[in-house]
Protein backbone atom coordinates (compact mmCIF):
# COMPACT_ATOMS: atom_id res chain seq x y z
CA MET A 1 93.43 -12.01 86.67
CA VAL A 2 91.76 -13.99 89.28
CA LEU A 3 89.63 -12.31 91.97
CA LYS A 4 88.92 -14.25 95.25
CA ILE A 5 86.59 -12.42 97.85
CA LEU A 6 86.10 -12.83 101.40
CA SER A 7 83.60 -10.57 103.00
CA GLN A 8 82.50 -9.55 106.46
CA ASP A 9 79.26 -7.90 107.13
CA VAL A 10 78.61 -5.84 110.09
CA SER A 11 75.03 -5.24 110.93
CA CYS A 12 72.53 -5.35 108.40
CA SER A 13 69.02 -4.68 109.96
CA LYS A 14 65.68 -3.30 108.75
CA GLN A 15 66.32 -1.57 105.45
CA SER A 16 69.76 -0.14 106.09
CA CYS A 17 72.99 -1.75 105.56
CA LEU A 18 75.65 -0.25 107.79
CA LEU A 19 79.03 -1.63 106.91
CA GLN A 20 80.75 -3.96 104.47
CA LEU A 21 84.33 -4.89 104.32
CA THR A 22 85.38 -6.91 101.44
CA ASN A 23 88.81 -8.42 101.07
CA GLY A 24 89.80 -9.29 97.53
CA ASP A 25 93.03 -10.96 96.74
CA PHE A 26 94.19 -10.45 93.28
CA VAL A 27 96.51 -13.05 91.55
CA SER A 28 98.16 -12.32 88.47
CA ALA A 29 98.86 -15.21 86.09
CA ASP A 30 101.54 -13.13 84.31
CA SER A 31 103.84 -12.85 87.27
CA LEU A 32 106.10 -15.58 88.55
CA PRO A 33 106.23 -16.23 91.39
CA VAL A 34 102.71 -15.52 92.20
CA VAL A 35 102.24 -12.37 93.95
CA LEU A 36 99.03 -11.69 95.96
CA HIS A 37 97.56 -8.15 96.16
CA PHE A 38 94.92 -7.54 98.92
CA LYS A 39 92.33 -4.75 98.50
CA TYR A 40 89.89 -4.04 101.29
CA HIS A 41 86.56 -2.32 100.26
CA TRP A 42 84.08 -0.82 102.59
CA GLY A 43 80.83 1.09 102.58
CA ILE A 44 78.57 2.73 105.11
CA SER A 45 75.00 3.65 104.43
CA TYR A 46 73.01 4.76 107.40
CA GLY A 47 70.28 7.41 106.98
CA SER A 48 71.98 10.39 105.23
CA THR A 49 75.37 9.23 105.95
CA LYS A 50 76.99 7.66 103.04
CA LEU A 51 80.74 6.73 103.10
CA SER A 52 82.93 4.43 101.15
CA SER A 53 86.50 3.33 100.38
CA LEU A 54 85.60 3.48 96.65
CA SER A 55 85.08 6.47 94.52
CA GLN A 56 82.19 6.91 92.06
CA PRO A 57 83.15 4.54 89.29
CA GLN A 58 83.88 5.85 85.68
CA HIS A 59 81.11 5.55 83.13
CA GLN A 60 81.85 2.76 80.55
CA ALA A 61 81.90 3.82 76.78
CA SER A 62 80.01 0.69 75.97
CA PRO A 63 77.22 -0.55 78.39
CA CYS A 64 77.99 -3.85 80.13
CA VAL A 65 75.99 -6.17 82.35
CA VAL A 66 77.25 -9.05 84.40
CA LEU A 67 75.09 -12.09 84.78
CA SER A 68 75.39 -15.56 86.57
CA SER A 69 76.91 -18.12 84.31
CA ASN A 70 73.75 -20.11 84.63
CA GLU A 71 71.28 -17.28 83.94
CA THR A 72 68.15 -18.05 81.90
CA THR A 73 68.27 -17.56 78.15
CA VAL A 74 65.08 -15.64 78.61
CA LEU A 75 66.71 -12.83 80.47
CA GLN A 76 69.75 -12.99 78.17
CA LYS A 77 67.65 -12.29 75.10
CA ALA A 78 65.59 -9.68 76.95
CA LEU A 79 68.91 -7.79 77.73
CA ALA A 80 70.28 -8.30 74.35
CA PRO A 81 68.82 -5.08 72.77
CA LEU A 82 70.33 -3.02 75.45
CA TYR A 83 73.78 -4.75 75.93
CA GLY A 84 74.31 -6.52 72.64
CA GLU A 85 77.64 -8.61 72.73
CA ARG A 86 78.38 -7.02 76.28
CA LEU A 87 76.64 -9.66 78.36
CA CYS A 88 79.34 -10.84 80.73
CA PHE A 89 79.25 -13.88 82.88
CA ALA A 90 80.71 -14.76 86.27
CA SER A 91 80.35 -16.72 89.31
CA GLY A 92 79.80 -15.53 92.83
CA ALA A 93 77.03 -13.05 93.71
CA GLY A 94 79.36 -10.88 95.89
CA TYR A 95 81.93 -10.78 92.96
CA LYS A 96 79.33 -9.57 90.57
CA MET A 97 78.21 -6.96 92.93
CA LEU A 98 81.68 -5.87 93.41
CA CYS A 99 82.15 -5.68 89.63
CA VAL A 100 79.31 -3.11 89.63
CA ALA A 101 80.69 -1.11 92.63
CA LEU A 102 84.26 -1.07 90.86
CA GLY A 103 82.54 0.16 87.54
CA LEU A 104 83.52 -2.90 85.60
CA ALA A 105 79.78 -3.68 84.79
CA ASP A 106 76.79 -1.12 84.70
CA ALA A 107 74.54 -3.61 86.32
CA TYR A 108 74.26 -7.17 87.80
CA VAL A 109 70.91 -8.70 86.92
CA LEU A 110 69.67 -12.01 88.38
CA SER A 111 66.15 -13.61 87.55
CA GLU A 112 66.43 -16.52 89.92
CA ASP A 113 65.90 -17.02 93.70
CA SER A 114 69.47 -18.33 93.89
CA THR A 115 71.21 -15.70 96.36
CA PHE A 116 70.54 -15.13 100.00
CA LYS A 117 70.52 -12.01 102.33
CA TRP A 118 74.08 -12.90 103.33
CA ASP A 119 75.18 -12.55 99.85
CA SER A 120 73.83 -9.27 99.24
CA CYS A 121 73.75 -7.25 102.48
CA GLY A 122 77.40 -6.15 102.70
CA PRO A 123 77.73 -5.23 98.92
CA HIS A 124 74.28 -3.44 99.23
CA ALA A 125 75.95 -1.14 101.79
CA ILE A 126 78.79 -0.42 99.44
CA LEU A 127 76.38 0.19 96.48
CA ARG A 128 74.18 2.44 98.58
CA ALA A 129 77.16 4.42 99.82
CA LEU A 130 77.99 5.10 96.18
CA GLY A 131 74.38 6.28 95.35
CA GLY A 132 73.06 2.99 93.99
CA GLY A 133 71.57 -0.06 95.43
CA ILE A 134 70.16 -3.51 94.92
CA ILE A 135 66.44 -3.66 93.99
CA ASP A 136 64.05 -6.72 94.26
CA LEU A 137 63.56 -7.44 90.53
CA SER A 138 59.92 -9.03 90.61
CA ALA A 139 58.62 -6.47 93.07
CA ALA A 140 60.25 -3.58 90.93
CA LEU A 141 58.89 -4.80 87.74
CA LYS A 142 55.38 -4.94 89.32
CA VAL A 143 55.36 -1.27 90.37
CA TRP A 144 57.22 -0.14 87.25
CA ARG A 145 54.51 -1.66 84.88
CA ALA A 146 51.95 0.08 87.30
CA GLY A 147 53.62 3.41 86.53
CA GLN A 148 55.75 3.87 89.47
CA HIS A 149 59.38 4.70 88.27
CA LYS A 150 60.90 6.11 91.30
CA ASN A 151 61.86 4.58 94.82
CA LEU A 152 61.73 0.93 93.55
CA PRO A 153 61.56 -1.61 96.20
CA GLU A 154 65.00 -2.60 97.42
CA LEU A 155 66.11 -5.71 99.00
CA THR A 156 65.32 -5.85 102.81
CA TYR A 157 67.03 -7.86 105.57
CA ASN A 158 64.68 -7.82 108.66
CA LYS A 159 62.04 -10.28 107.83
CA PRO A 160 62.25 -13.95 106.81
CA ILE A 161 60.10 -15.22 104.00
CA GLU A 162 56.77 -16.38 105.52
CA GLY A 163 56.03 -20.20 104.83
CA ALA A 164 59.62 -20.94 103.78
CA VAL A 165 61.91 -23.22 105.87
CA GLY A 166 65.61 -23.50 106.64
CA ALA A 167 67.91 -21.20 104.61
CA GLU A 168 65.16 -20.50 102.12
CA ARG A 169 63.69 -18.04 104.70
CA TRP A 170 66.52 -15.80 103.75
CA ALA A 171 66.68 -16.08 100.09
CA ASN A 172 66.44 -13.03 97.84
CA GLN A 173 63.18 -14.13 96.13
CA GLY A 174 62.30 -12.75 92.75
CA GLY A 175 65.77 -11.96 91.66
CA LEU A 176 67.62 -8.61 91.92
CA ILE A 177 69.28 -5.75 90.10
CA ALA A 178 72.50 -4.24 91.52
CA TYR A 179 73.54 -0.77 90.25
CA VAL A 180 75.32 2.34 91.03
CA CYS A 181 73.93 4.76 88.49
CA HIS A 182 70.19 5.27 88.27
CA LYS A 183 70.17 5.74 84.58
CA HIS A 184 71.70 2.12 84.17
CA LEU A 185 68.83 0.89 86.44
CA GLU A 186 66.18 2.83 84.45
CA ALA A 187 67.52 1.45 81.19
CA VAL A 188 67.29 -2.11 82.57
CA MET A 189 63.83 -1.71 83.91
CA VAL A 190 62.51 -0.19 80.65
CA THR A 191 64.12 -3.03 78.65
CA LEU A 192 62.73 -5.81 80.90
CA ALA A 193 59.25 -4.29 81.40
CA ASN A 194 58.96 -4.13 77.60
CA ALA A 195 60.27 -7.62 76.93
CA THR A 196 57.95 -10.05 75.30
CA ASP A 197 58.72 -12.80 77.86
CA THR A 198 57.70 -11.82 81.31
CA PHE A 199 59.66 -12.28 84.50
């Protein structure tokens, strides 16, 4: 099965993502002629209002994390004690975040500065509407190691990175973790905070 995602973000300002509409067209290689199935997913997270077209995903019997196909071996080794052989690889930041929202993966972990605010804002709204979110990995590890394990710093969208130029002003510096379930986030944080290699 192949998934192609087109997304339209509507208003991401300050720390609240308002709405995400995602169009995924699913193509089945088993069916001839090819039949496209379109699915639209949306989420609203504004203050105490949390609405989504998706239901809470079912918990996986075996934990699974989705990573970028070019993720560092350092991160892969750090996550191996938690996920073992269940390290899944995919392309496209929005696709990996949608995998988390749909319950196909427990988390999406990225250690690089290779995504931008426009990649994460819409999926962030869906994840927040489901009770999860997207945290800033490097900032969260810093406060986690200092003893703060609640209210980890999430990605923000209202300020460009000082000193950066062009599109880099809107990069998600320091990596990220996308999640729905807080216990999955905590498991990843404990694992990475205790890893011998630092991030």
